[in-house]
Amino acid sequence: MTVVLGTLKTMNGAKIDLSKAGDMVTIEKAVVTRATLTTTNGAVHIIDCVLMPPIKK
């Protein structure tokens, strides 16, 4: 699996950090527990918590 590290833009325009340490990939504070599960319309990555969009001020 190729991991693009750094800051990424989400569908709602928020920015999230993606990083890797050894074999562990994190998105913000979420750890990717299963990567690249192929579906009929793309791929899914399973993480260990819910990512919430930032509260707009």
PDB file of N, CA and C in Angstrom:
ATOM      1  N   MET A   1       0.835  -1.175   0.000  1.00  0.00           N
ATOM      2  CA  MET A   1       0.000   0.000   0.000  1.00  0.00           C
ATOM      3  C   MET A   1       0.879   1.236   0.000  1.00  0.00           C
ATOM      4  N   THR A   2       0.577   2.186  -0.873  1.00  0.00           N
ATOM      5  CA  THR A   2       1.288   3.454  -0.911  1.00  0.00           C
ATOM      6  C   THR A   2       0.518   4.460  -0.069  1.00  0.00           C
ATOM      7  N   VAL A   3       1.195   5.109   0.853  1.00  0.00           N
ATOM      8  CA  VAL A   3       0.551   6.076   1.751  1.00  0.00           C
ATOM      9  C   VAL A   3       1.079   7.464   1.420  1.00  0.00           C
ATOM     10  N   VAL A   4       0.155   8.393   1.140  1.00  0.00           N
ATOM     11  CA  VAL A   4       0.518   9.784   0.923  1.00  0.00           C
ATOM     12  C   VAL A   4       0.478  10.467   2.281  1.00  0.00           C
ATOM     13  N   LEU A   5       1.622  10.895   2.779  1.00  0.00           N
ATOM     14  CA  LEU A   5       1.713  11.489   4.104  1.00  0.00           C
ATOM     15  C   LEU A   5       1.572  12.999   4.030  1.00  0.00           C
ATOM     16  N   GLY A   6       1.079  13.585   5.106  1.00  0.00           N
ATOM     17  CA  GLY A   6       0.960  15.032   5.172  1.00  0.00           C
ATOM     18  C   GLY A   6      -0.463  15.458   5.435  1.00  0.00           C
ATOM     19  N   THR A   7      -0.778  16.674   5.032  1.00  0.00           N
ATOM     20  CA  THR A   7      -2.110  17.233   5.234  1.00  0.00           C
ATOM     21  C   THR A   7      -2.940  17.041   3.973  1.00  0.00           C
ATOM     22  N   LEU A   8      -4.153  16.502   4.166  1.00  0.00           N
ATOM     23  CA  LEU A   8      -5.060  16.264   3.046  1.00  0.00           C
ATOM     24  C   LEU A   8      -6.336  17.056   3.246  1.00  0.00           C
ATOM     25  N   LYS A   9      -7.018  17.386   2.145  1.00  0.00           N
ATOM     26  CA  LYS A   9      -8.275  18.109   2.200  1.00  0.00           C
ATOM     27  C   LYS A   9      -9.426  17.108   2.098  1.00  0.00           C
ATOM     28  N   THR A  10     -10.414  17.234   2.989  1.00  0.00           N
ATOM     29  CA  THR A  10     -11.569  16.337   2.982  1.00  0.00           C
ATOM     30  C   THR A  10     -12.635  16.851   2.019  1.00  0.00           C
ATOM     31  N   MET A  11     -13.707  16.076   1.862  1.00  0.00           N
ATOM     32  CA  MET A  11     -14.799  16.460   0.964  1.00  0.00           C
ATOM     33  C   MET A  11     -15.482  17.755   1.406  1.00  0.00           C
ATOM     34  N   ASN A  12     -15.501  18.042   2.711  1.00  0.00           N
ATOM     35  CA  ASN A  12     -16.152  19.272   3.184  1.00  0.00           C
ATOM     36  C   ASN A  12     -15.178  20.443   3.288  1.00  0.00           C
ATOM     37  N   GLY A  13     -13.947  20.246   2.819  1.00  0.00           N
ATOM     38  CA  GLY A  13     -12.958  21.320   2.801  1.00  0.00           C
ATOM     39  C   GLY A  13     -12.064  21.401   4.019  1.00  0.00           C
ATOM     40  N   ALA A  14     -12.319  20.569   5.036  1.00  0.00           N
ATOM     41  CA  ALA A  14     -11.465  20.557   6.222  1.00  0.00           C
ATOM     42  C   ALA A  14     -10.125  19.898   5.884  1.00  0.00           C
ATOM     43  N   LYS A  15      -9.121  20.161   6.697  1.00  0.00           N
ATOM     44  CA  LYS A  15      -7.805  19.548   6.497  1.00  0.00           C
ATOM     45  C   LYS A  15      -7.558  18.530   7.599  1.00  0.00           C
ATOM     46  N   ILE A  16      -6.994  17.367   7.214  1.00  0.00           N
ATOM     47  CA  ILE A  16      -6.652  16.323   8.174  1.00  0.00           C
ATOM     48  C   ILE A  16      -5.206  15.899   7.947  1.00  0.00           C
ATOM     49  N   ASP A  17      -4.574  15.412   9.010  1.00  0.00           N
ATOM     50  CA  ASP A  17      -3.182  14.961   8.930  1.00  0.00           C
ATOM     51  C   ASP A  17      -3.128  13.446   8.800  1.00  0.00           C
ATOM     52  N   LEU A  18      -2.336  12.981   7.863  1.00  0.00           N
ATOM     53  CA  LEU A  18      -2.118  11.561   7.633  1.00  0.00           C
ATOM     54  C   LEU A  18      -0.649  11.275   7.885  1.00  0.00           C
ATOM     55  N   SER A  19      -0.365  10.281   8.752  1.00  0.00           N
ATOM     56  CA  SER A  19       1.034   9.969   9.069  1.00  0.00           C
ATOM     57  C   SER A  19       1.224   8.459   9.195  1.00  0.00           C
ATOM     58  N   LYS A  20       2.482   8.061   9.207  1.00  0.00           N
ATOM     59  CA  LYS A  20       2.831   6.649   9.290  1.00  0.00           C
ATOM     60  C   LYS A  20       4.039   6.487  10.198  1.00  0.00           C
ATOM     61  N   ALA A  21       3.974   5.481  11.080  1.00  0.00           N
ATOM     62  CA  ALA A  21       5.095   5.126  11.949  1.00  0.00           C
ATOM     63  C   ALA A  21       5.233   3.615  11.882  1.00  0.00           C
ATOM     64  N   GLY A  22       6.276   3.135  11.240  1.00  0.00           N
ATOM     65  CA  GLY A  22       6.422   1.694  11.031  1.00  0.00           C
ATOM     66  C   GLY A  22       5.310   1.201  10.128  1.00  0.00           C
ATOM     67  N   ASP A  23       4.533   0.225  10.595  1.00  0.00           N
ATOM     68  CA  ASP A  23       3.406  -0.290   9.826  1.00  0.00           C
ATOM     69  C   ASP A  23       2.092   0.387  10.188  1.00  0.00           C
ATOM     70  N   MET A  24       2.110   1.305  11.155  1.00  0.00           N
ATOM     71  CA  MET A  24       0.882   1.940  11.630  1.00  0.00           C
ATOM     72  C   MET A  24       0.618   3.244  10.886  1.00  0.00           C
ATOM     73  N   VAL A  25      -0.583   3.348  10.299  1.00  0.00           N
ATOM     74  CA  VAL A  25      -1.006   4.563   9.607  1.00  0.00           C
ATOM     75  C   VAL A  25      -2.085   5.223  10.450  1.00  0.00           C
ATOM     76  N   THR A  26      -1.976   6.547  10.625  1.00  0.00           N
ATOM     77  CA  THR A  26      -2.983   7.277  11.391  1.00  0.00           C
ATOM     78  C   THR A  26      -3.558   8.412  10.556  1.00  0.00           C
ATOM     79  N   ILE A  27      -4.839   8.680  10.818  1.00  0.00           N
ATOM     80  CA  ILE A  27      -5.533   9.822  10.242  1.00  0.00           C
ATOM     81  C   ILE A  27      -6.012  10.629  11.438  1.00  0.00           C
ATOM     82  N   GLU A  28      -5.377  11.791  11.655  1.00  0.00           N
ATOM     83  CA  GLU A  28      -5.591  12.543  12.888  1.00  0.00           C
ATOM     84  C   GLU A  28      -5.246  11.616  14.049  1.00  0.00           C
ATOM     85  N   LYS A  29      -6.207  11.304  14.945  1.00  0.00           N
ATOM     86  CA  LYS A  29      -5.929  10.403  16.074  1.00  0.00           C
ATOM     87  C   LYS A  29      -6.447   8.988  15.826  1.00  0.00           C
ATOM     88  N   ALA A  30      -7.016   8.748  14.661  1.00  0.00           N
ATOM     89  CA  ALA A  30      -7.564   7.426  14.327  1.00  0.00           C
ATOM     90  C   ALA A  30      -6.479   6.544  13.719  1.00  0.00           C
ATOM     91  N   VAL A  31      -6.466   5.283  14.101  1.00  0.00           N
ATOM     92  CA  VAL A  31      -5.519   4.314  13.555  1.00  0.00           C
ATOM     93  C   VAL A  31      -6.241   3.477  12.491  1.00  0.00           C
ATOM     94  N   VAL A  32      -5.603   3.316  11.340  1.00  0.00           N
ATOM     95  CA  VAL A  32      -6.168   2.470  10.288  1.00  0.00           C
ATOM     96  C   VAL A  32      -5.972   1.018  10.725  1.00  0.00           C
ATOM     97  N   THR A  33      -7.083   0.302  10.961  1.00  0.00           N
ATOM     98  CA  THR A  33      -6.999  -1.082  11.430  1.00  0.00           C
ATOM     99  C   THR A  33      -7.057  -2.088  10.289  1.00  0.00           C
ATOM    100  N   ARG A  34      -7.745  -1.731   9.195  1.00  0.00           N
ATOM    101  CA  ARG A  34      -7.774  -2.561   7.984  1.00  0.00           C
ATOM    102  C   ARG A  34      -7.763  -1.634   6.790  1.00  0.00           C
ATOM    103  N   ALA A  35      -6.855  -1.855   5.876  1.00  0.00           N
ATOM    104  CA  ALA A  35      -6.702  -0.961   4.732  1.00  0.00           C
ATOM    105  C   ALA A  35      -7.152  -1.625   3.433  1.00  0.00           C
ATOM    106  N   THR A  36      -7.687  -0.817   2.566  1.00  0.00           N
ATOM    107  CA  THR A  36      -8.029  -1.167   1.204  1.00  0.00           C
ATOM    108  C   THR A  36      -8.903  -2.415   1.092  1.00  0.00           C
ATOM    109  N   LEU A  37     -10.102  -2.332   1.641  1.00  0.00           N
ATOM    110  CA  LEU A  37     -11.096  -3.369   1.433  1.00  0.00           C
ATOM    111  C   LEU A  37     -11.845  -2.991   0.166  1.00  0.00           C
ATOM    112  N   THR A  38     -11.697  -3.769  -0.884  1.00  0.00           N
ATOM    113  CA  THR A  38     -12.300  -3.449  -2.176  1.00  0.00           C
ATOM    114  C   THR A  38     -13.801  -3.677  -2.142  1.00  0.00           C
ATOM    115  N   THR A  39     -14.545  -2.691  -2.665  1.00  0.00           N
ATOM    116  CA  THR A  39     -15.998  -2.781  -2.768  1.00  0.00           C
ATOM    117  C   THR A  39     -16.383  -2.631  -4.236  1.00  0.00           C
ATOM    118  N   THR A  40     -17.670  -2.717  -4.516  1.00  0.00           N
ATOM    119  CA  THR A  40     -18.107  -2.598  -5.917  1.00  0.00           C
ATOM    120  C   THR A  40     -17.950  -1.189  -6.460  1.00  0.00           C
ATOM    121  N   ASN A  41     -17.884  -0.192  -5.573  1.00  0.00           N
ATOM    122  CA  ASN A  41     -17.761   1.191  -6.048  1.00  0.00           C
ATOM    123  C   ASN A  41     -16.492   1.894  -5.559  1.00  0.00           C
ATOM    124  N   GLY A  42     -15.488   1.141  -5.124  1.00  0.00           N
ATOM    125  CA  GLY A  42     -14.232   1.751  -4.678  1.00  0.00           C
ATOM    126  C   GLY A  42     -13.548   0.927  -3.617  1.00  0.00           C
ATOM    127  N   ALA A  43     -13.002   1.609  -2.613  1.00  0.00           N
ATOM    128  CA  ALA A  43     -12.292   0.935  -1.533  1.00  0.00           C
ATOM    129  C   ALA A  43     -12.639   1.599  -0.203  1.00  0.00           C
ATOM    130  N   VAL A  44     -12.539   0.832   0.877  1.00  0.00           N
ATOM    131  CA  VAL A  44     -12.829   1.309   2.221  1.00  0.00           C
ATOM    132  C   VAL A  44     -11.612   1.047   3.094  1.00  0.00           C
ATOM    133  N   HIS A  45     -11.327   1.987   3.994  1.00  0.00           N
ATOM    134  CA  HIS A  45     -10.277   1.821   4.987  1.00  0.00           C
ATOM    135  C   HIS A  45     -10.951   1.896   6.357  1.00  0.00           C
ATOM    136  N   ILE A  46     -10.754   0.904   7.206  1.00  0.00           N
ATOM    137  CA  ILE A  46     -11.391   0.847   8.512  1.00  0.00           C
ATOM    138  C   ILE A  46     -10.485   1.535   9.540  1.00  0.00           C
ATOM    139  N   ILE A  47     -11.066   2.462  10.322  1.00  0.00           N
ATOM    140  CA  ILE A  47     -10.323   3.150  11.378  1.00  0.00           C
ATOM    141  C   ILE A  47     -10.965   2.847  12.724  1.00  0.00           C
ATOM    142  N   ASP A  48     -10.238   3.121  13.802  1.00  0.00           N
ATOM    143  CA  ASP A  48     -10.700   2.723  15.139  1.00  0.00           C
ATOM    144  C   ASP A  48     -11.503   3.775  15.897  1.00  0.00           C
ATOM    145  N   CYS A  49     -11.870   4.876  15.259  1.00  0.00           N
ATOM    146  CA  CYS A  49     -12.732   5.871  15.896  1.00  0.00           C
ATOM    147  C   CYS A  49     -13.436   6.692  14.825  1.00  0.00           C
ATOM    148  N   VAL A  50     -14.365   7.525  15.249  1.00  0.00           N
ATOM    149  CA  VAL A  50     -15.129   8.363  14.325  1.00  0.00           C
ATOM    150  C   VAL A  50     -14.408   9.694  14.152  1.00  0.00           C
ATOM    151  N   LEU A  51     -14.238  10.118  12.907  1.00  0.00           N
ATOM    152  CA  LEU A  51     -13.664  11.432  12.639  1.00  0.00           C
ATOM    153  C   LEU A  51     -14.812  12.435  12.517  1.00  0.00           C
ATOM    154  N   MET A  52     -14.746  13.505  13.278  1.00  0.00           N
ATOM    155  CA  MET A  52     -15.786  14.530  13.267  1.00  0.00           C
ATOM    156  C   MET A  52     -15.246  15.782  12.575  1.00  0.00           C
ATOM    157  N   PRO A  53     -16.086  16.430  11.746  1.00  0.00           N
ATOM    158  CA  PRO A  53     -15.627  17.676  11.113  1.00  0.00           C
ATOM    159  C   PRO A  53     -15.463  18.766  12.154  1.00  0.00           C
ATOM    160  N   PRO A  54     -14.599  19.728  11.867  1.00  0.00           N
ATOM    161  CA  PRO A  54     -14.404  20.819  12.830  1.00  0.00           C
ATOM    162  C   PRO A  54     -15.678  21.659  12.942  1.00  0.00           C
ATOM    163  N   ILE A  55     -15.875  22.267  14.106  1.00  0.00           N
ATOM    164  CA  ILE A  55     -17.023  23.138  14.314  1.00  0.00           C
ATOM    165  C   ILE A  55     -16.705  24.491  13.692  1.00  0.00           C
ATOM    166  N   LYS A  56     -17.591  24.940  12.804  1.00  0.00           N
ATOM    167  CA  LYS A  56     -17.373  26.246  12.156  1.00  0.00           C
ATOM    168  C   LYS A  56     -17.754  27.355  13.121  1.00  0.00           C
ATOM    169  N   LYS A  57     -16.923  28.375  13.161  1.00  0.00           N
ATOM    170  CA  LYS A  57     -17.170  29.504  14.067  1.00  0.00           C
ATOM    171  C   LYS A  57     -17.802  30.644  13.327  1.00  0.00           C
TER     172      LYS A  57
END
